[in-house]
Amino acid sequence: MKRDIKLYNLIFPMWSIYFFGLLFPVFLLILLPANFLVDSLVLLLLFQWLKMPEKKAWYQKTILKTWGFGFLADFLASGIFWILSEGLSAVFQDADVNLYLPYSSIPSFLFTTAAVLLAGIFIYIFQRKFVWKKYALEEGQKKKIALGMAVLTAPYLMYLPPM
């Protein structure tokens, strides 16, 4: 008798790397500096686009909070979707849906898209509530910066299939 065994849970999807960063610190050595560089570049581009005076001063005041809360948003979204994937993989196993491969099926793609969107929403909320709340900027500028950070720094690497 031949059995077809599928080992979906042995594969690490790209979005779970954020969540497993705490368990395997070597991931953090790659993720933290990469996130810092991306957040720095996007923040400086947003300052340039909004024609903000004293870009360097604003950057120095906000980059660490921007970076920390951005990583926290990615981590939270990844953790939520890792937990959901554990429960849903059993549900979809009979339907031959692999949530770890974003382009393998429509449910997998939608699952990954939901994870990216959730992270973007967290980034926006954290930017508005914790990073820019106390600074004397126009509300429109705060919203544009928060939205720009959410859209441009959402963890699109979650769309990469596992290695």
C-alpha atoms as a PDB file:
ATOM      1  CA  MET A   1       0.000   0.000   0.000  1.00  0.00           C
ATOM      2  CA  LYS A   2       1.486   3.340  -1.073  1.00  0.00           C
ATOM      3  CA  ARG A   3       0.751   6.369   1.104  1.00  0.00           C
ATOM      4  CA  ASP A   4       1.111   9.937  -0.072  1.00  0.00           C
ATOM      5  CA  ILE A   5       2.636  11.824   2.846  1.00  0.00           C
ATOM      6  CA  LYS A   6       2.718  15.639   2.787  1.00  0.00           C
ATOM      7  CA  LEU A   7       5.040  17.451   5.156  1.00  0.00           C
ATOM      8  CA  TYR A   8       3.662  21.003   4.935  1.00  0.00           C
ATOM      9  CA  ASN A   9       4.527  21.869   8.516  1.00  0.00           C
ATOM     10  CA  LEU A  10       8.218  21.196   7.951  1.00  0.00           C
ATOM     11  CA  ILE A  11       8.461  24.088   5.497  1.00  0.00           C
ATOM     12  CA  PHE A  12       9.009  27.607   6.788  1.00  0.00           C
ATOM     13  CA  PRO A  13       7.054  30.161   4.789  1.00  0.00           C
ATOM     14  CA  MET A  14       8.744  33.530   4.361  1.00  0.00           C
ATOM     15  CA  TRP A  15       6.215  35.260   6.599  1.00  0.00           C
ATOM     16  CA  SER A  16       7.012  32.937   9.479  1.00  0.00           C
ATOM     17  CA  ILE A  17      10.647  34.055   9.496  1.00  0.00           C
ATOM     18  CA  TYR A  18       9.598  37.198  11.377  1.00  0.00           C
ATOM     19  CA  PHE A  19       7.831  35.107  13.970  1.00  0.00           C
ATOM     20  CA  PHE A  20      10.678  32.614  14.309  1.00  0.00           C
ATOM     21  CA  GLY A  21      13.241  35.405  14.607  1.00  0.00           C
ATOM     22  CA  LEU A  22      13.008  35.145  18.365  1.00  0.00           C
ATOM     23  CA  LEU A  23      13.522  31.408  18.299  1.00  0.00           C
ATOM     24  CA  PHE A  24      16.412  31.552  15.832  1.00  0.00           C
ATOM     25  CA  PRO A  25      18.356  34.776  16.490  1.00  0.00           C
ATOM     26  CA  VAL A  26      20.416  34.408  13.312  1.00  0.00           C
ATOM     27  CA  PHE A  27      17.307  35.588  11.411  1.00  0.00           C
ATOM     28  CA  LEU A  28      17.315  38.756  13.497  1.00  0.00           C
ATOM     29  CA  LEU A  29      20.884  39.493  12.438  1.00  0.00           C
ATOM     30  CA  ILE A  30      19.605  39.734   8.874  1.00  0.00           C
ATOM     31  CA  LEU A  31      16.105  41.130   9.415  1.00  0.00           C
ATOM     32  CA  LEU A  32      16.852  43.976  11.807  1.00  0.00           C
ATOM     33  CA  PRO A  33      19.501  45.785   9.711  1.00  0.00           C
ATOM     34  CA  ALA A  34      17.546  45.168   6.497  1.00  0.00           C
ATOM     35  CA  ASN A  35      14.388  46.620   8.043  1.00  0.00           C
ATOM     36  CA  PHE A  36      16.379  49.579   9.372  1.00  0.00           C
ATOM     37  CA  LEU A  37      17.770  50.363   5.927  1.00  0.00           C
ATOM     38  CA  VAL A  38      14.384  50.102   4.230  1.00  0.00           C
ATOM     39  CA  ASP A  39      12.665  52.179   6.909  1.00  0.00           C
ATOM     40  CA  SER A  40      15.407  54.812   6.711  1.00  0.00           C
ATOM     41  CA  LEU A  41      15.205  55.081   2.951  1.00  0.00           C
ATOM     42  CA  VAL A  42      11.408  55.274   2.893  1.00  0.00           C
ATOM     43  CA  LEU A  43      11.267  57.778   5.744  1.00  0.00           C
ATOM     44  CA  LEU A  44      13.808  60.063   4.055  1.00  0.00           C
ATOM     45  CA  LEU A  45      11.978  59.785   0.720  1.00  0.00           C
ATOM     46  CA  LEU A  46       8.694  60.679   2.413  1.00  0.00           C
ATOM     47  CA  PHE A  47      10.324  63.713   4.049  1.00  0.00           C
ATOM     48  CA  GLN A  48      11.654  64.774   0.655  1.00  0.00           C
ATOM     49  CA  TRP A  49       8.263  64.244  -1.022  1.00  0.00           C
ATOM     50  CA  LEU A  50       6.467  66.268   1.685  1.00  0.00           C
ATOM     51  CA  LYS A  51       9.166  68.975   1.473  1.00  0.00           C
ATOM     52  CA  MET A  52       9.689  68.866   5.222  1.00  0.00           C
ATOM     53  CA  PRO A  53      12.276  71.256   6.638  1.00  0.00           C
ATOM     54  CA  GLU A  54      15.008  69.856   8.862  1.00  0.00           C
ATOM     55  CA  LYS A  55      14.848  66.338   7.430  1.00  0.00           C
ATOM     56  CA  LYS A  56      17.913  65.242   9.364  1.00  0.00           C
ATOM     57  CA  ALA A  57      16.454  66.368  12.699  1.00  0.00           C
ATOM     58  CA  TRP A  58      13.126  64.637  11.996  1.00  0.00           C
ATOM     59  CA  TYR A  59      14.957  61.499  10.920  1.00  0.00           C
ATOM     60  CA  GLN A  60      17.046  61.408  14.101  1.00  0.00           C
ATOM     61  CA  LYS A  61      13.968  61.939  16.290  1.00  0.00           C
ATOM     62  CA  THR A  62      11.827  59.252  14.695  1.00  0.00           C
ATOM     63  CA  ILE A  63      13.870  56.537  13.004  1.00  0.00           C
ATOM     64  CA  LEU A  64      14.283  54.276  16.030  1.00  0.00           C
ATOM     65  CA  LYS A  65      10.569  54.353  16.865  1.00  0.00           C
ATOM     66  CA  THR A  66       9.666  53.953  13.188  1.00  0.00           C
ATOM     67  CA  TRP A  67      11.991  50.969  12.874  1.00  0.00           C
ATOM     68  CA  GLY A  68      10.971  49.329  16.148  1.00  0.00           C
ATOM     69  CA  PHE A  69       7.249  49.682  15.623  1.00  0.00           C
ATOM     70  CA  GLY A  70       7.579  48.596  11.989  1.00  0.00           C
ATOM     71  CA  PHE A  71       9.324  45.425  13.041  1.00  0.00           C
ATOM     72  CA  LEU A  72       6.763  44.889  15.797  1.00  0.00           C
ATOM     73  CA  ALA A  73       3.963  45.214  13.222  1.00  0.00           C
ATOM     74  CA  ASP A  74       5.615  42.649  10.935  1.00  0.00           C
ATOM     75  CA  PHE A  75       6.218  40.333  13.864  1.00  0.00           C
ATOM     76  CA  LEU A  76       2.632  40.572  15.155  1.00  0.00           C
ATOM     77  CA  ALA A  77       1.084  39.968  11.735  1.00  0.00           C
ATOM     78  CA  SER A  78       3.436  37.055  11.102  1.00  0.00           C
ATOM     79  CA  GLY A  79       2.694  35.545  14.502  1.00  0.00           C
ATOM     80  CA  ILE A  80      -1.055  35.794  13.971  1.00  0.00           C
ATOM     81  CA  PHE A  81      -0.791  34.196  10.538  1.00  0.00           C
ATOM     82  CA  TRP A  82       1.570  31.497  11.717  1.00  0.00           C
ATOM     83  CA  ILE A  83      -0.941  30.515  14.404  1.00  0.00           C
ATOM     84  CA  LEU A  84      -3.793  30.627  11.875  1.00  0.00           C
ATOM     85  CA  SER A  85      -1.796  28.579   9.375  1.00  0.00           C
ATOM     86  CA  GLU A  86      -1.311  25.822  11.914  1.00  0.00           C
ATOM     87  CA  GLY A  87      -5.068  25.513  12.355  1.00  0.00           C
ATOM     88  CA  LEU A  88      -6.008  26.066   8.721  1.00  0.00           C
ATOM     89  CA  SER A  89      -3.452  23.671   7.265  1.00  0.00           C
ATOM     90  CA  ALA A  90      -5.445  20.791   8.734  1.00  0.00           C
ATOM     91  CA  VAL A  91      -8.652  22.200   7.230  1.00  0.00           C
ATOM     92  CA  PHE A  92      -7.149  22.649   3.772  1.00  0.00           C
ATOM     93  CA  GLN A  93      -5.087  19.441   3.746  1.00  0.00           C
ATOM     94  CA  ASP A  94      -7.856  17.445   2.097  1.00  0.00           C
ATOM     95  CA  ALA A  95      -8.371  20.197  -0.497  1.00  0.00           C
ATOM     96  CA  ASP A  96      -4.663  20.048  -1.440  1.00  0.00           C
ATOM     97  CA  VAL A  97      -4.104  23.718  -0.502  1.00  0.00           C
ATOM     98  CA  ASN A  98      -0.673  24.632   0.790  1.00  0.00           C
ATOM     99  CA  LEU A  99      -0.836  27.908   2.718  1.00  0.00           C
ATOM    100  CA  TYR A 100       2.953  28.067   2.724  1.00  0.00           C
ATOM    101  CA  LEU A 101       3.155  28.509  -1.058  1.00  0.00           C
ATOM    102  CA  PRO A 102       1.467  31.840  -1.874  1.00  0.00           C
ATOM    103  CA  TYR A 103       1.139  31.147  -5.611  1.00  0.00           C
ATOM    104  CA  SER A 104      -0.033  27.539  -5.344  1.00  0.00           C
ATOM    105  CA  SER A 105      -3.728  28.357  -5.012  1.00  0.00           C
ATOM    106  CA  ILE A 106      -6.175  31.198  -4.620  1.00  0.00           C
ATOM    107  CA  PRO A 107      -6.692  30.537  -0.874  1.00  0.00           C
ATOM    108  CA  SER A 108      -2.904  30.566  -0.351  1.00  0.00           C
ATOM    109  CA  PHE A 109      -2.525  33.850  -2.225  1.00  0.00           C
ATOM    110  CA  LEU A 110      -5.419  35.432  -0.313  1.00  0.00           C
ATOM    111  CA  PHE A 111      -3.995  34.172   2.978  1.00  0.00           C
ATOM    112  CA  THR A 112      -0.626  35.768   2.228  1.00  0.00           C
ATOM    113  CA  THR A 113      -2.276  38.969   1.023  1.00  0.00           C
ATOM    114  CA  ALA A 114      -4.238  39.172   4.272  1.00  0.00           C
ATOM    115  CA  ALA A 115      -0.984  38.809   6.232  1.00  0.00           C
ATOM    116  CA  VAL A 116       0.680  41.633   4.267  1.00  0.00           C
ATOM    117  CA  LEU A 117      -2.408  43.846   4.673  1.00  0.00           C
ATOM    118  CA  LEU A 118      -2.586  43.169   8.405  1.00  0.00           C
ATOM    119  CA  ALA A 119       1.065  44.126   8.807  1.00  0.00           C
ATOM    120  CA  GLY A 120       0.433  47.318   6.803  1.00  0.00           C
ATOM    121  CA  ILE A 121      -2.533  48.182   9.011  1.00  0.00           C
ATOM    122  CA  PHE A 122      -0.424  47.622  12.116  1.00  0.00           C
ATOM    123  CA  ILE A 123       2.335  49.825  10.678  1.00  0.00           C
ATOM    124  CA  TYR A 124      -0.163  52.612   9.964  1.00  0.00           C
ATOM    125  CA  ILE A 125      -1.719  52.408  13.434  1.00  0.00           C
ATOM    126  CA  PHE A 126       1.648  52.318  15.209  1.00  0.00           C
ATOM    127  CA  GLN A 127       2.934  55.250  13.155  1.00  0.00           C
ATOM    128  CA  ARG A 128      -0.139  57.352  13.940  1.00  0.00           C
ATOM    129  CA  LYS A 129      -0.519  56.386  17.611  1.00  0.00           C
ATOM    130  CA  PHE A 130       3.068  56.030  18.796  1.00  0.00           C
ATOM    131  CA  VAL A 131       5.593  57.548  16.407  1.00  0.00           C
ATOM    132  CA  TRP A 132       4.048  60.830  15.215  1.00  0.00           C
ATOM    133  CA  LYS A 133       1.412  61.580  17.853  1.00  0.00           C
ATOM    134  CA  LYS A 134       3.424  63.979  20.014  1.00  0.00           C
ATOM    135  CA  TYR A 135       5.139  65.923  17.225  1.00  0.00           C
ATOM    136  CA  ALA A 136       3.931  69.326  16.037  1.00  0.00           C
ATOM    137  CA  LEU A 137       3.207  68.490  12.420  1.00  0.00           C
ATOM    138  CA  GLU A 138       0.051  69.041  10.429  1.00  0.00           C
ATOM    139  CA  GLU A 139      -2.384  66.140  10.729  1.00  0.00           C
ATOM    140  CA  GLY A 140      -2.247  65.699   6.960  1.00  0.00           C
ATOM    141  CA  GLN A 141       1.527  65.243   7.073  1.00  0.00           C
ATOM    142  CA  LYS A 142       1.265  62.719   9.890  1.00  0.00           C
ATOM    143  CA  LYS A 143      -1.336  60.718   7.961  1.00  0.00           C
ATOM    144  CA  LYS A 144       0.711  60.820   4.753  1.00  0.00           C
ATOM    145  CA  ILE A 145       3.854  59.658   6.523  1.00  0.00           C
ATOM    146  CA  ALA A 146       1.983  56.868   8.326  1.00  0.00           C
ATOM    147  CA  LEU A 147       0.247  55.759   5.130  1.00  0.00           C
ATOM    148  CA  GLY A 148       3.485  55.965   3.137  1.00  0.00           C
ATOM    149  CA  MET A 149       5.311  53.847   5.690  1.00  0.00           C
ATOM    150  CA  ALA A 150       2.449  51.329   5.765  1.00  0.00           C
ATOM    151  CA  VAL A 151       2.268  50.945   1.997  1.00  0.00           C
ATOM    152  CA  LEU A 152       5.971  51.112   1.192  1.00  0.00           C
ATOM    153  CA  THR A 153       7.339  49.044   4.075  1.00  0.00           C
ATOM    154  CA  ALA A 154       4.690  46.328   4.340  1.00  0.00           C
ATOM    155  CA  PRO A 155       6.420  42.927   4.364  1.00  0.00           C
ATOM    156  CA  TYR A 156       6.033  42.033   0.686  1.00  0.00           C
ATOM    157  CA  LEU A 157       8.679  39.337   1.166  1.00  0.00           C
ATOM    158  CA  MET A 158       5.850  37.230   2.527  1.00  0.00           C
ATOM    159  CA  TYR A 159       4.952  36.603  -1.103  1.00  0.00           C
ATOM    160  CA  LEU A 160       8.222  34.771  -1.659  1.00  0.00           C
ATOM    161  CA  PRO A 161       7.743  31.023  -1.501  1.00  0.00           C
ATOM    162  CA  PRO A 162       9.827  29.175   1.068  1.00  0.00           C
ATOM    163  CA  MET A 163      13.326  28.201   0.096  1.00  0.00           C
END
